Amino acid sequence: MRARWQLGLCGLGGLLAAWWALSLCIPGGFIPDPLSVSVRFVLLAPTVLWLHTLASLGRVAAALAVALLTAVPAGISLGRVRFLDRLFSPVAYALYPVPKIALLPVVMLLFGLGNLSKATVVFIVLFFQILVSSRDGAREIAPQYFLSLRSLGAGRGQTLRFVIWPALLPGLLSSLRIGTGTALAVLFFAETFGTSVGLGWFVMESWMRMSYVDMFAGILCLGLLGLGLFFGIDLLQRKLCRWQRKA
């Protein structure tokens, strides 16, 4: 564990060194040095950045909660019921490759320019990611596991708890990592329209003011938000998938 942290710190040090070198090579202050950005981040965090961070986090959290509540049951149904899989999987395959940010104008026409439209775009990104992962995880379970549990008198709830859920959970958490990164990118773009709160708005507003230190402070905050979400998913995996650690 200690060696892992040491390697991580070395990688972070290399990134900071490259950032510092880039700030020295590009004149005009377009890329401020890490120290200036860090100082500005500390100054803005308790006054401005925390409000924008809470707004962005709230939109992501709402979209993630709704996506889990809808996509996981739908994916399990597609994975375990062949008729539903043949009926709806072609629709999912047709919609999944479509860039979800292209749907932003349609979503804004339907739901307006407020928080609902921004959370809806993020929900669409996460929904298809979770749906496909859940369907694949449920479909690849070997039949003998179900036969063994039924021979012991298990019902549907116990089958879901002891067979289906453990089988799809690792893939589901991996899809959440991928989907969360994409969702933050989509949210950044969505927050540049019709709002005055959110990290996406703060970064673009700072750029238009040519306040590049503020802009990089916002980018740093957005990166820390994504890092926190990733660490949260890793923590969930350690708690919920303990058999993987033993393996």
Protein backbone atom coordinates (compact mmCIF):
# COMPACT_ATOMS: atom_id res chain seq x y z
CA MET A 1 0.00 0.00 0.00
CA ARG A 2 2.85 2.38 0.86
CA ALA A 3 4.57 1.69 -2.45
CA ARG A 4 1.29 2.35 -4.26
CA TRP A 5 0.94 5.77 -2.65
CA GLN A 6 4.58 6.58 -3.41
CA LEU A 7 4.08 5.74 -7.08
CA GLY A 8 0.92 7.84 -7.14
CA LEU A 9 2.74 10.82 -5.66
CA CYS A 10 5.54 10.42 -8.20
CA GLY A 11 3.01 10.47 -11.02
CA LEU A 12 1.34 13.56 -9.57
CA GLY A 13 4.73 15.25 -9.22
CA GLY A 14 5.50 14.52 -12.85
CA LEU A 15 2.18 16.03 -13.91
CA LEU A 16 2.84 19.19 -11.88
CA ALA A 17 6.35 19.47 -13.32
CA ALA A 18 5.02 19.20 -16.87
CA TRP A 19 2.36 21.81 -16.08
CA TRP A 20 4.96 24.18 -14.65
CA ALA A 21 7.24 23.72 -17.66
CA LEU A 22 4.33 24.40 -20.02
CA SER A 23 3.47 27.61 -18.15
CA LEU A 24 7.06 28.79 -18.60
CA CYS A 25 7.18 27.92 -22.30
CA ILE A 26 3.91 29.61 -23.31
CA PRO A 27 4.03 33.40 -22.82
CA GLY A 28 1.15 35.75 -22.13
CA GLY A 29 -0.17 34.05 -19.00
CA PHE A 30 -2.49 31.78 -20.98
CA ILE A 31 -1.36 28.83 -18.85
CA PRO A 32 -0.71 29.98 -15.26
CA ASP A 33 1.67 28.02 -13.09
CA PRO A 34 0.35 25.42 -10.61
CA LEU A 35 1.22 27.53 -7.55
CA SER A 36 -0.82 30.53 -8.72
CA VAL A 37 -3.77 28.29 -9.57
CA SER A 38 -3.56 26.50 -6.21
CA VAL A 39 -3.51 29.77 -4.28
CA ARG A 40 -6.45 31.09 -6.28
CA PHE A 41 -8.33 27.82 -5.78
CA VAL A 42 -7.88 28.08 -2.00
CA LEU A 43 -9.18 31.66 -2.06
CA LEU A 44 -12.20 30.88 -4.25
CA ALA A 45 -13.17 27.54 -2.74
CA PRO A 46 -14.99 28.86 0.37
CA THR A 47 -16.62 31.79 -1.41
CA VAL A 48 -17.55 30.97 -4.99
CA LEU A 49 -16.38 27.54 -6.10
CA TRP A 50 -18.29 25.56 -3.51
CA LEU A 51 -21.60 26.93 -4.81
CA HIS A 52 -20.76 25.94 -8.38
CA THR A 53 -19.46 22.58 -7.21
CA LEU A 54 -22.65 21.83 -5.28
CA ALA A 55 -24.75 22.75 -8.31
CA SER A 56 -22.79 20.45 -10.63
CA LEU A 57 -22.66 17.65 -8.06
CA GLY A 58 -26.41 17.90 -7.46
CA ARG A 59 -27.15 17.54 -11.16
CA VAL A 60 -24.85 14.54 -11.50
CA ALA A 61 -26.16 12.88 -8.32
CA ALA A 62 -29.81 13.28 -9.36
CA ALA A 63 -29.11 11.89 -12.83
CA LEU A 64 -27.10 8.99 -11.39
CA ALA A 65 -29.82 8.05 -8.89
CA VAL A 66 -32.58 8.01 -11.52
CA ALA A 67 -30.36 6.14 -13.99
CA LEU A 68 -29.62 3.40 -11.45
CA LEU A 69 -33.27 3.05 -10.46
CA THR A 70 -34.39 2.67 -14.07
CA ALA A 71 -31.51 1.18 -16.06
CA VAL A 72 -30.56 -1.65 -13.66
CA PRO A 73 -34.05 -3.27 -13.57
CA ALA A 74 -34.41 -2.73 -17.32
CA GLY A 75 -31.01 -4.30 -17.98
CA ILE A 76 -31.75 -7.31 -15.79
CA SER A 77 -35.07 -7.79 -17.58
CA LEU A 78 -33.39 -7.69 -20.99
CA GLY A 79 -30.68 -10.07 -19.83
CA ARG A 80 -33.04 -12.67 -18.36
CA VAL A 81 -36.11 -12.48 -20.65
CA ARG A 82 -35.23 -13.41 -24.22
CA PHE A 83 -38.38 -11.91 -25.74
CA LEU A 84 -37.68 -8.50 -24.19
CA ASP A 85 -34.04 -8.69 -25.24
CA ARG A 86 -34.95 -9.36 -28.88
CA LEU A 87 -37.56 -6.61 -28.80
CA PHE A 88 -35.65 -3.77 -27.16
CA SER A 89 -31.94 -4.50 -27.67
CA PRO A 90 -31.98 -3.29 -31.30
CA VAL A 91 -33.45 0.00 -30.07
CA ALA A 92 -30.75 0.32 -27.41
CA TYR A 93 -28.03 -0.50 -29.96
CA ALA A 94 -29.38 2.15 -32.32
CA LEU A 95 -29.48 4.86 -29.65
CA TYR A 96 -26.34 3.97 -27.69
CA PRO A 97 -23.75 5.20 -30.25
CA VAL A 98 -25.54 8.54 -30.76
CA PRO A 99 -23.52 11.36 -29.11
CA LYS A 100 -25.75 12.34 -26.20
CA ILE A 101 -24.63 15.96 -26.31
CA ALA A 102 -26.33 16.16 -29.72
CA LEU A 103 -29.63 15.67 -27.87
CA LEU A 104 -29.08 18.76 -25.72
CA PRO A 105 -31.10 21.12 -27.99
CA VAL A 106 -34.00 18.65 -28.02
CA VAL A 107 -33.87 18.23 -24.25
CA MET A 108 -33.81 21.99 -23.73
CA LEU A 109 -36.81 22.42 -26.02
CA LEU A 110 -38.73 19.84 -23.99
CA PHE A 111 -37.62 20.73 -20.45
CA GLY A 112 -36.41 24.32 -20.67
CA LEU A 113 -33.03 25.77 -19.72
CA GLY A 114 -33.05 24.95 -16.00
CA ASN A 115 -31.63 22.15 -13.90
CA LEU A 116 -34.04 19.55 -15.27
CA SER A 117 -32.67 19.71 -18.81
CA LYS A 118 -29.05 19.52 -17.63
CA ALA A 119 -29.73 16.58 -15.33
CA THR A 120 -31.71 14.88 -18.10
CA VAL A 121 -28.78 14.99 -20.53
CA VAL A 122 -26.51 13.45 -17.90
CA PHE A 123 -29.20 10.85 -17.15
CA ILE A 124 -29.32 9.82 -20.82
CA VAL A 125 -25.55 9.30 -20.84
CA LEU A 126 -25.60 7.15 -17.71
CA PHE A 127 -28.78 5.27 -18.57
CA PHE A 128 -27.47 3.56 -21.68
CA GLN A 129 -24.10 2.83 -20.09
CA ILE A 130 -25.75 1.13 -17.10
CA LEU A 131 -28.41 -0.57 -19.24
CA VAL A 132 -25.92 -2.34 -21.50
CA SER A 133 -23.68 -3.33 -18.59
CA SER A 134 -26.58 -4.72 -16.54
CA ARG A 135 -28.00 -6.63 -19.49
CA ASP A 136 -24.66 -8.22 -20.36
CA GLY A 137 -23.97 -9.14 -16.74
CA ALA A 138 -27.38 -10.74 -16.25
CA ARG A 139 -27.28 -12.60 -19.57
CA GLU A 140 -23.87 -14.19 -19.01
CA ILE A 141 -24.79 -15.95 -15.75
CA ALA A 142 -24.42 -19.71 -16.13
CA PRO A 143 -27.77 -21.58 -15.88
CA GLN A 144 -26.49 -24.02 -13.27
CA TYR A 145 -26.38 -21.27 -10.66
CA PHE A 146 -30.11 -20.75 -11.02
CA LEU A 147 -30.77 -24.49 -10.96
CA SER A 148 -28.71 -24.92 -7.79
CA LEU A 149 -30.53 -22.14 -6.00
CA ARG A 150 -33.97 -23.34 -7.11
CA SER A 151 -33.19 -26.85 -5.88
CA LEU A 152 -32.71 -25.31 -2.44
CA GLY A 153 -36.13 -23.66 -2.61
CA ALA A 154 -34.99 -20.10 -3.28
CA GLY A 155 -37.50 -17.56 -4.57
CA ARG A 156 -37.07 -14.74 -7.05
CA GLY A 157 -35.89 -12.29 -4.43
CA GLN A 158 -33.17 -14.64 -3.20
CA THR A 159 -32.13 -15.41 -6.77
CA LEU A 160 -31.79 -11.72 -7.45
CA ARG A 161 -29.82 -11.15 -4.26
CA PHE A 162 -27.46 -14.13 -4.34
CA VAL A 163 -26.97 -14.77 -8.08
CA ILE A 164 -27.92 -11.91 -10.37
CA TRP A 165 -26.78 -8.96 -8.26
CA PRO A 166 -23.28 -10.28 -7.44
CA ALA A 167 -22.78 -11.29 -11.08
CA LEU A 168 -23.54 -7.89 -12.59
CA LEU A 169 -22.16 -5.66 -9.80
CA PRO A 170 -18.47 -5.53 -10.89
CA GLY A 171 -19.38 -4.70 -14.48
CA LEU A 172 -21.94 -2.17 -13.29
CA LEU A 173 -19.36 -0.31 -11.20
CA SER A 174 -16.91 -0.32 -14.10
CA SER A 175 -19.57 1.16 -16.38
CA LEU A 176 -20.22 3.82 -13.74
CA ARG A 177 -16.57 4.87 -13.89
CA ILE A 178 -16.72 5.24 -17.65
CA GLY A 179 -20.15 6.83 -17.62
CA THR A 180 -19.26 9.31 -14.87
CA GLY A 181 -16.35 10.71 -16.84
CA THR A 182 -18.50 11.11 -19.94
CA ALA A 183 -21.33 12.59 -17.88
CA LEU A 184 -19.08 15.28 -16.42
CA ALA A 185 -17.91 16.23 -19.92
CA VAL A 186 -21.50 16.49 -21.13
CA LEU A 187 -22.52 18.43 -18.03
CA PHE A 188 -19.69 20.91 -18.58
CA PHE A 189 -21.06 21.72 -22.02
CA ALA A 190 -24.68 21.80 -20.84
CA GLU A 191 -23.84 24.26 -18.05
CA THR A 192 -22.73 26.86 -20.57
CA PHE A 193 -26.37 27.39 -21.61
CA GLY A 194 -29.13 29.11 -19.69
CA THR A 195 -27.56 29.10 -16.24
CA SER A 196 -25.30 31.18 -14.03
CA VAL A 197 -24.26 28.44 -11.62
CA GLY A 198 -22.17 25.34 -12.16
CA LEU A 199 -18.51 24.61 -12.81
CA GLY A 200 -19.01 24.61 -16.57
CA TRP A 201 -20.46 28.11 -16.44
CA PHE A 202 -17.70 29.31 -14.09
CA VAL A 203 -14.89 28.04 -16.34
CA MET A 204 -16.36 29.56 -19.51
CA GLU A 205 -17.21 32.84 -17.79
CA SER A 206 -13.65 33.11 -16.50
CA TRP A 207 -12.34 32.39 -19.99
CA MET A 208 -14.47 35.17 -21.48
CA ARG A 209 -13.11 37.56 -18.82
CA MET A 210 -9.61 36.37 -19.76
CA SER A 211 -9.09 35.50 -16.10
CA TYR A 212 -7.03 32.41 -16.82
CA VAL A 213 -6.07 31.78 -13.21
CA ASP A 214 -9.77 31.60 -12.29
CA MET A 215 -10.41 29.40 -15.32
CA PHE A 216 -7.75 26.90 -14.30
CA ALA A 217 -9.00 27.00 -10.71
CA GLY A 218 -12.42 25.96 -12.02
CA ILE A 219 -10.86 23.22 -14.15
CA LEU A 220 -8.96 22.01 -11.08
CA CYS A 221 -12.21 21.95 -9.09
CA LEU A 222 -13.93 20.00 -11.87
CA GLY A 223 -11.08 17.51 -11.87
CA LEU A 224 -11.29 17.10 -8.10
CA LEU A 225 -15.04 16.52 -8.38
CA GLY A 226 -14.45 13.74 -10.89
CA LEU A 227 -11.68 12.31 -8.72
CA GLY A 228 -14.00 12.28 -5.71
CA LEU A 229 -16.68 10.43 -7.69
CA PHE A 230 -14.12 7.87 -8.87
CA PHE A 231 -12.84 7.31 -5.34
CA GLY A 232 -16.46 6.90 -4.19
CA ILE A 233 -17.03 4.19 -6.81
CA ASP A 234 -13.78 2.48 -5.80
CA LEU A 235 -14.91 2.53 -2.17
CA LEU A 236 -18.25 0.98 -3.14
CA GLN A 237 -16.46 -1.75 -5.05
CA ARG A 238 -14.24 -2.58 -2.08
CA LYS A 239 -17.28 -2.77 0.20
CA LEU A 240 -19.69 -4.57 -2.12
CA CYS A 241 -17.30 -6.83 -4.06
CA ARG A 242 -15.16 -8.23 -1.27
CA TRP A 243 -14.78 -11.58 -3.03
CA GLN A 244 -12.69 -9.83 -5.72
CA ARG A 245 -10.16 -8.67 -3.11
CA LYS A 246 -9.89 -12.20 -1.74
CA ALA A 247 -9.40 -13.56 -5.26
